[in-house]
């Protein structure tokens, strides 16, 4: 197992610090993805509502109704999570911006 073509592992890990620009750009990306998932959820729910289940078997109606609810629920959960991440990143960006401004004021005095 002595392969000389393997790249050596470096132990130096560079830690990336958060700054307001990274937070706001991440919030824009997350908000865009959340909006896209929400729009897709609305389109799927509208499509399901426009095409009712055509069956007289009660088991088929119950299972297909459960599957439709599960699909719409998964997309709703995804859009909700992206929304919460967006709000959190915006709040972190504002907090970091306020901290930077307060440090600049204290260093000027």
N, C-alpha and C. Protein backbone atom coordinates (compact mmCIF):
# COMPACT_ATOMS: atom_id res chain seq x y z
N UNK A 1 0.81 -1.19 0.00
CA UNK A 1 0.00 0.00 0.00
C UNK A 1 0.86 1.26 0.00
N UNK A 2 2.03 1.16 -0.52
CA UNK A 2 2.95 2.29 -0.58
C UNK A 2 2.86 2.91 -1.97
N UNK A 3 1.88 3.74 -2.18
CA UNK A 3 1.71 4.37 -3.50
C UNK A 3 2.29 5.78 -3.45
N UNK A 4 3.23 6.04 -4.33
CA UNK A 4 3.91 7.34 -4.31
C UNK A 4 3.15 8.40 -5.09
N UNK A 5 2.08 8.01 -5.79
CA UNK A 5 1.30 8.98 -6.55
C UNK A 5 0.23 9.66 -5.70
N UNK A 6 0.05 9.21 -4.49
CA UNK A 6 -0.94 9.82 -3.62
C UNK A 6 -0.45 11.19 -3.16
N UNK A 7 -1.37 12.12 -3.06
CA UNK A 7 -1.00 13.45 -2.58
C UNK A 7 -0.92 13.41 -1.06
N UNK A 8 0.07 14.04 -0.50
CA UNK A 8 0.21 14.01 0.96
C UNK A 8 -0.87 14.86 1.63
N UNK A 9 -1.32 14.39 2.78
CA UNK A 9 -2.31 15.12 3.56
C UNK A 9 -1.62 16.24 4.32
N UNK A 10 -2.14 17.43 4.23
CA UNK A 10 -1.58 18.56 4.98
C UNK A 10 -2.39 18.77 6.23
N UNK A 11 -1.72 19.04 7.31
CA UNK A 11 -2.38 19.26 8.58
C UNK A 11 -2.78 20.71 8.79
N UNK A 12 -2.31 21.60 7.95
CA UNK A 12 -2.63 23.01 8.09
C UNK A 12 -4.03 23.26 7.55
N UNK A 13 -4.96 23.51 8.44
CA UNK A 13 -6.34 23.81 8.05
C UNK A 13 -6.56 25.30 8.20
N UNK A 14 -7.00 25.92 7.13
CA UNK A 14 -7.24 27.35 7.15
C UNK A 14 -8.70 27.58 7.56
N UNK A 15 -8.89 28.28 8.64
CA UNK A 15 -10.24 28.55 9.12
C UNK A 15 -10.77 29.82 8.46
N UNK A 16 -11.93 29.70 7.85
CA UNK A 16 -12.54 30.83 7.16
C UNK A 16 -13.45 31.56 8.15
N UNK A 17 -13.24 32.84 8.28
CA UNK A 17 -14.07 33.63 9.19
C UNK A 17 -15.26 34.19 8.45
N UNK A 18 -16.32 34.38 9.17
CA UNK A 18 -17.55 34.93 8.58
C UNK A 18 -17.42 36.45 8.48
N UNK A 19 -17.89 36.97 7.38
CA UNK A 19 -17.96 38.42 7.22
C UNK A 19 -19.33 38.76 6.64
N UNK A 20 -19.75 40.01 6.75
CA UNK A 20 -21.11 40.36 6.30
C UNK A 20 -21.36 40.08 4.82
N UNK A 21 -20.35 40.26 3.97
CA UNK A 21 -20.54 40.02 2.54
C UNK A 21 -20.85 38.55 2.27
N UNK A 22 -20.14 37.66 2.93
CA UNK A 22 -20.40 36.23 2.75
C UNK A 22 -21.78 35.86 3.28
N UNK A 23 -22.18 36.46 4.39
CA UNK A 23 -23.50 36.16 4.95
C UNK A 23 -24.62 36.65 4.03
N UNK A 24 -24.47 37.86 3.51
CA UNK A 24 -25.52 38.40 2.65
C UNK A 24 -25.59 37.67 1.30
N UNK A 25 -24.42 37.29 0.76
CA UNK A 25 -24.46 36.54 -0.50
C UNK A 25 -25.04 35.15 -0.28
N UNK A 26 -24.73 34.53 0.84
CA UNK A 26 -25.33 33.23 1.17
C UNK A 26 -26.83 33.34 1.38
N UNK A 27 -27.27 34.45 1.98
CA UNK A 27 -28.70 34.66 2.19
C UNK A 27 -29.42 34.85 0.86
N UNK A 28 -28.78 35.54 -0.09
CA UNK A 28 -29.40 35.72 -1.41
C UNK A 28 -29.52 34.38 -2.12
N UNK A 29 -28.48 33.57 -2.05
CA UNK A 29 -28.52 32.25 -2.70
C UNK A 29 -29.57 31.37 -2.04
N UNK A 30 -29.58 31.35 -0.72
CA UNK A 30 -30.55 30.52 -0.01
C UNK A 30 -31.98 31.01 -0.24
N UNK A 31 -32.17 32.31 -0.28
CA UNK A 31 -33.50 32.85 -0.56
C UNK A 31 -33.97 32.51 -1.96
N UNK A 32 -33.05 32.57 -2.92
CA UNK A 32 -33.41 32.20 -4.28
C UNK A 32 -33.79 30.74 -4.39
N UNK A 33 -33.03 29.89 -3.72
CA UNK A 33 -33.36 28.46 -3.76
C UNK A 33 -34.67 28.18 -3.04
N UNK A 34 -34.90 28.88 -1.94
CA UNK A 34 -36.17 28.72 -1.22
C UNK A 34 -37.35 29.16 -2.07
N UNK A 35 -37.20 30.25 -2.79
CA UNK A 35 -38.27 30.71 -3.67
C UNK A 35 -38.51 29.73 -4.81
N UNK A 36 -37.42 29.15 -5.34
CA UNK A 36 -37.57 28.17 -6.41
C UNK A 36 -38.29 26.92 -5.92
N UNK A 37 -37.95 26.45 -4.75
CA UNK A 37 -38.62 25.26 -4.19
C UNK A 37 -40.07 25.58 -3.87
N UNK A 38 -40.34 26.78 -3.37
CA UNK A 38 -41.72 27.18 -3.09
C UNK A 38 -42.54 27.26 -4.37
N UNK A 39 -41.97 27.82 -5.43
CA UNK A 39 -42.68 27.90 -6.70
C UNK A 39 -42.95 26.52 -7.27
N UNK A 40 -41.99 25.62 -7.12
CA UNK A 40 -42.18 24.24 -7.57
C UNK A 40 -43.26 23.55 -6.75
N UNK A 41 -43.31 23.82 -5.46
CA UNK A 41 -44.34 23.23 -4.61
C UNK A 41 -45.73 23.72 -5.03
N UNK A 42 -45.87 24.99 -5.32
CA UNK A 42 -47.15 25.53 -5.76
C UNK A 42 -47.57 24.91 -7.08
N UNK A 43 -46.61 24.74 -8.00
CA UNK A 43 -46.92 24.14 -9.30
C UNK A 43 -47.36 22.68 -9.13
N UNK A 44 -46.71 21.95 -8.26
CA UNK A 44 -47.07 20.55 -8.02
C UNK A 44 -48.44 20.46 -7.38
N UNK A 45 -48.70 21.30 -6.38
CA UNK A 45 -50.00 21.27 -5.70
C UNK A 45 -51.13 21.65 -6.66
N UNK A 46 -50.89 22.62 -7.52
CA UNK A 46 -51.88 23.02 -8.51
C UNK A 46 -52.14 21.89 -9.50
N UNK A 47 -51.08 21.23 -9.91
CA UNK A 47 -51.21 20.11 -10.83
C UNK A 47 -52.00 18.96 -10.19
N UNK A 48 -51.72 18.68 -8.93
CA UNK A 48 -52.47 17.63 -8.23
C UNK A 48 -53.94 18.00 -8.08
N UNK A 49 -54.23 19.27 -7.82
CA UNK A 49 -55.61 19.71 -7.66
C UNK A 49 -56.36 19.67 -8.98
N UNK A 50 -55.66 19.91 -10.09
CA UNK A 50 -56.31 19.92 -11.40
C UNK A 50 -56.59 18.52 -11.92
N UNK A 51 -55.87 17.53 -11.40
CA UNK A 51 -56.04 16.15 -11.87
C UNK A 51 -56.49 15.28 -10.69
N UNK A 52 -57.79 15.13 -10.51
CA UNK A 52 -58.27 14.32 -9.38
C UNK A 52 -58.00 12.83 -9.61
N UNK A 53 -58.12 12.08 -8.55
CA UNK A 53 -57.88 10.64 -8.60
C UNK A 53 -59.12 9.96 -9.16
N UNK A 54 -58.95 9.16 -10.20
CA UNK A 54 -60.06 8.47 -10.84
C UNK A 54 -60.04 7.01 -10.44
N UNK A 55 -60.66 6.69 -9.34
CA UNK A 55 -60.73 5.31 -8.90
C UNK A 55 -61.93 5.17 -7.96
N UNK A 56 -62.50 3.99 -7.96
CA UNK A 56 -63.59 3.72 -7.03
C UNK A 56 -63.11 2.88 -5.86
N UNK A 57 -61.87 2.44 -5.93
CA UNK A 57 -61.28 1.65 -4.85
C UNK A 57 -60.85 2.58 -3.73
N UNK A 58 -61.41 2.44 -2.52
CA UNK A 58 -61.05 3.35 -1.43
C UNK A 58 -59.58 3.25 -1.01
N UNK A 59 -58.98 2.07 -1.13
CA UNK A 59 -57.58 1.92 -0.77
C UNK A 59 -56.67 2.72 -1.72
N UNK A 60 -56.99 2.70 -3.00
CA UNK A 60 -56.22 3.45 -3.99
C UNK A 60 -56.35 4.95 -3.73
N UNK A 61 -57.55 5.39 -3.40
CA UNK A 61 -57.77 6.82 -3.13
C UNK A 61 -57.00 7.25 -1.90
N UNK A 62 -57.00 6.42 -0.85
CA UNK A 62 -56.29 6.79 0.38
C UNK A 62 -54.78 6.81 0.17
N UNK A 63 -54.26 5.81 -0.52
CA UNK A 63 -52.81 5.76 -0.74
C UNK A 63 -52.34 6.89 -1.64
N UNK A 64 -53.07 7.15 -2.72
CA UNK A 64 -52.66 8.22 -3.62
C UNK A 64 -52.80 9.59 -2.95
N UNK A 65 -53.80 9.74 -2.11
CA UNK A 65 -53.94 11.00 -1.37
C UNK A 65 -52.78 11.18 -0.38
N UNK A 66 -52.37 10.10 0.26
CA UNK A 66 -51.24 10.18 1.19
C UNK A 66 -49.94 10.49 0.46
N UNK A 67 -49.75 9.89 -0.71
CA UNK A 67 -48.53 10.15 -1.48
C UNK A 67 -48.50 11.60 -1.97
N UNK A 68 -49.63 12.10 -2.42
CA UNK A 68 -49.69 13.50 -2.86
C UNK A 68 -49.40 14.44 -1.70
N UNK A 69 -49.96 14.15 -0.55
CA UNK A 69 -49.71 14.98 0.63
C UNK A 69 -48.24 14.92 1.03
N UNK A 70 -47.65 13.74 0.95
CA UNK A 70 -46.24 13.58 1.30
C UNK A 70 -45.35 14.37 0.34
N UNK A 71 -45.64 14.33 -0.93
CA UNK A 71 -44.82 15.06 -1.92
C UNK A 71 -44.90 16.56 -1.68
N UNK A 72 -46.10 17.07 -1.51
CA UNK A 72 -46.25 18.51 -1.28
C UNK A 72 -45.62 18.89 0.07
N UNK A 73 -45.73 18.03 1.06
CA UNK A 73 -45.14 18.30 2.37
C UNK A 73 -43.63 18.36 2.34
N UNK A 74 -43.01 17.48 1.56
CA UNK A 74 -41.54 17.50 1.46
C UNK A 74 -41.07 18.80 0.82
N UNK A 75 -41.76 19.25 -0.20
CA UNK A 75 -41.37 20.51 -0.84
C UNK A 75 -41.66 21.70 0.08
N UNK A 76 -42.72 21.63 0.87
CA UNK A 76 -43.00 22.70 1.83
C UNK A 76 -41.93 22.74 2.91
N UNK A 77 -41.50 21.57 3.36
CA UNK A 77 -40.43 21.51 4.36
C UNK A 77 -39.14 22.09 3.81
N UNK A 78 -38.82 21.75 2.56
CA UNK A 78 -37.61 22.29 1.94
C UNK A 78 -37.64 23.80 1.81
N UNK A 79 -38.78 24.34 1.37
CA UNK A 79 -38.86 25.80 1.24
C UNK A 79 -38.82 26.48 2.60
N UNK A 80 -39.41 25.84 3.61
CA UNK A 80 -39.35 26.40 4.96
C UNK A 80 -37.94 26.41 5.52
N UNK A 81 -37.20 25.34 5.29
CA UNK A 81 -35.82 25.29 5.78
C UNK A 81 -34.96 26.33 5.09
N UNK A 82 -35.11 26.47 3.78
CA UNK A 82 -34.35 27.51 3.07
C UNK A 82 -34.73 28.90 3.58
N UNK A 83 -36.00 29.12 3.90
CA UNK A 83 -36.43 30.41 4.44
C UNK A 83 -35.81 30.70 5.78
N UNK A 84 -35.76 29.69 6.65
CA UNK A 84 -35.16 29.87 7.98
C UNK A 84 -33.66 30.13 7.86
N UNK A 85 -32.99 29.43 6.95
CA UNK A 85 -31.56 29.66 6.73
C UNK A 85 -31.32 31.07 6.22
N UNK A 86 -32.19 31.54 5.33
CA UNK A 86 -32.06 32.90 4.81
C UNK A 86 -32.19 33.93 5.93
N UNK A 87 -33.18 33.76 6.78
CA UNK A 87 -33.37 34.69 7.90
C UNK A 87 -32.17 34.66 8.84
N UNK A 88 -31.66 33.46 9.12
CA UNK A 88 -30.50 33.34 10.00
C UNK A 88 -29.26 33.98 9.43
N UNK A 89 -29.02 33.80 8.13
CA UNK A 89 -27.85 34.42 7.51
C UNK A 89 -27.98 35.94 7.46
N UNK A 90 -29.19 36.43 7.21
CA UNK A 90 -29.39 37.89 7.24
C UNK A 90 -29.13 38.45 8.64
N UNK A 91 -29.62 37.76 9.65
CA UNK A 91 -29.41 38.22 11.03
C UNK A 91 -27.93 38.17 11.40
N UNK A 92 -27.23 37.11 10.98
CA UNK A 92 -25.80 37.03 11.26
C UNK A 92 -25.03 38.13 10.53
N UNK A 93 -25.41 38.42 9.30
CA UNK A 93 -24.76 39.49 8.56
C UNK A 93 -24.95 40.84 9.21
N UNK A 94 -26.16 41.12 9.68
CA UNK A 94 -26.43 42.38 10.37
C UNK A 94 -25.64 42.45 11.67
N UNK A 95 -25.58 41.33 12.42
CA UNK A 95 -24.84 41.30 13.67
C UNK A 95 -23.35 41.56 13.43
N UNK A 96 -22.78 40.93 12.43
CA UNK A 96 -21.36 41.15 12.13
C UNK A 96 -21.10 42.57 11.65
N UNK A 97 -22.03 43.13 10.89
CA UNK A 97 -21.88 44.50 10.43
C UNK A 97 -21.91 45.48 11.60
N UNK A 98 -22.82 45.26 12.54
CA UNK A 98 -22.90 46.13 13.73
C UNK A 98 -21.64 45.99 14.56
N UNK A 99 -21.12 44.77 14.70
CA UNK A 99 -19.89 44.57 15.47
C UNK A 99 -18.70 45.27 14.82
N UNK A 100 -18.62 45.20 13.49
CA UNK A 100 -17.52 45.88 12.81
C UNK A 100 -17.63 47.40 12.95
N UNK A 101 -18.85 47.92 12.85
CA UNK A 101 -19.02 49.36 12.99
C UNK A 101 -18.72 49.82 14.42
N UNK A 102 -19.08 49.03 15.41
CA UNK A 102 -18.80 49.42 16.79
C UNK A 102 -17.32 49.33 17.10
N UNK A 103 -16.61 48.38 16.50
CA UNK A 103 -15.16 48.30 16.69
C UNK A 103 -14.47 49.49 16.05
N UNK A 104 -14.94 49.93 14.89
CA UNK A 104 -14.34 51.09 14.23
C UNK A 104 -14.58 52.36 15.04
N UNK A 105 -15.76 52.49 15.64
CA UNK A 105 -16.05 53.67 16.47
C UNK A 105 -15.16 53.69 17.71
N UNK A 106 -14.99 52.52 18.35
CA UNK A 106 -14.20 52.47 19.57
C UNK A 106 -12.71 52.69 19.27
N UNK A 107 -12.25 52.27 18.10
CA UNK A 107 -10.83 52.48 17.75
C UNK A 107 -10.56 53.94 17.35
N UNK A 108 -11.58 54.66 16.88
CA UNK A 108 -11.40 56.07 16.53
C UNK A 108 -11.31 56.95 17.77
N UNK A 109 -11.96 56.54 18.86
CA UNK A 109 -11.96 57.36 20.08
C UNK A 109 -10.71 57.23 20.85
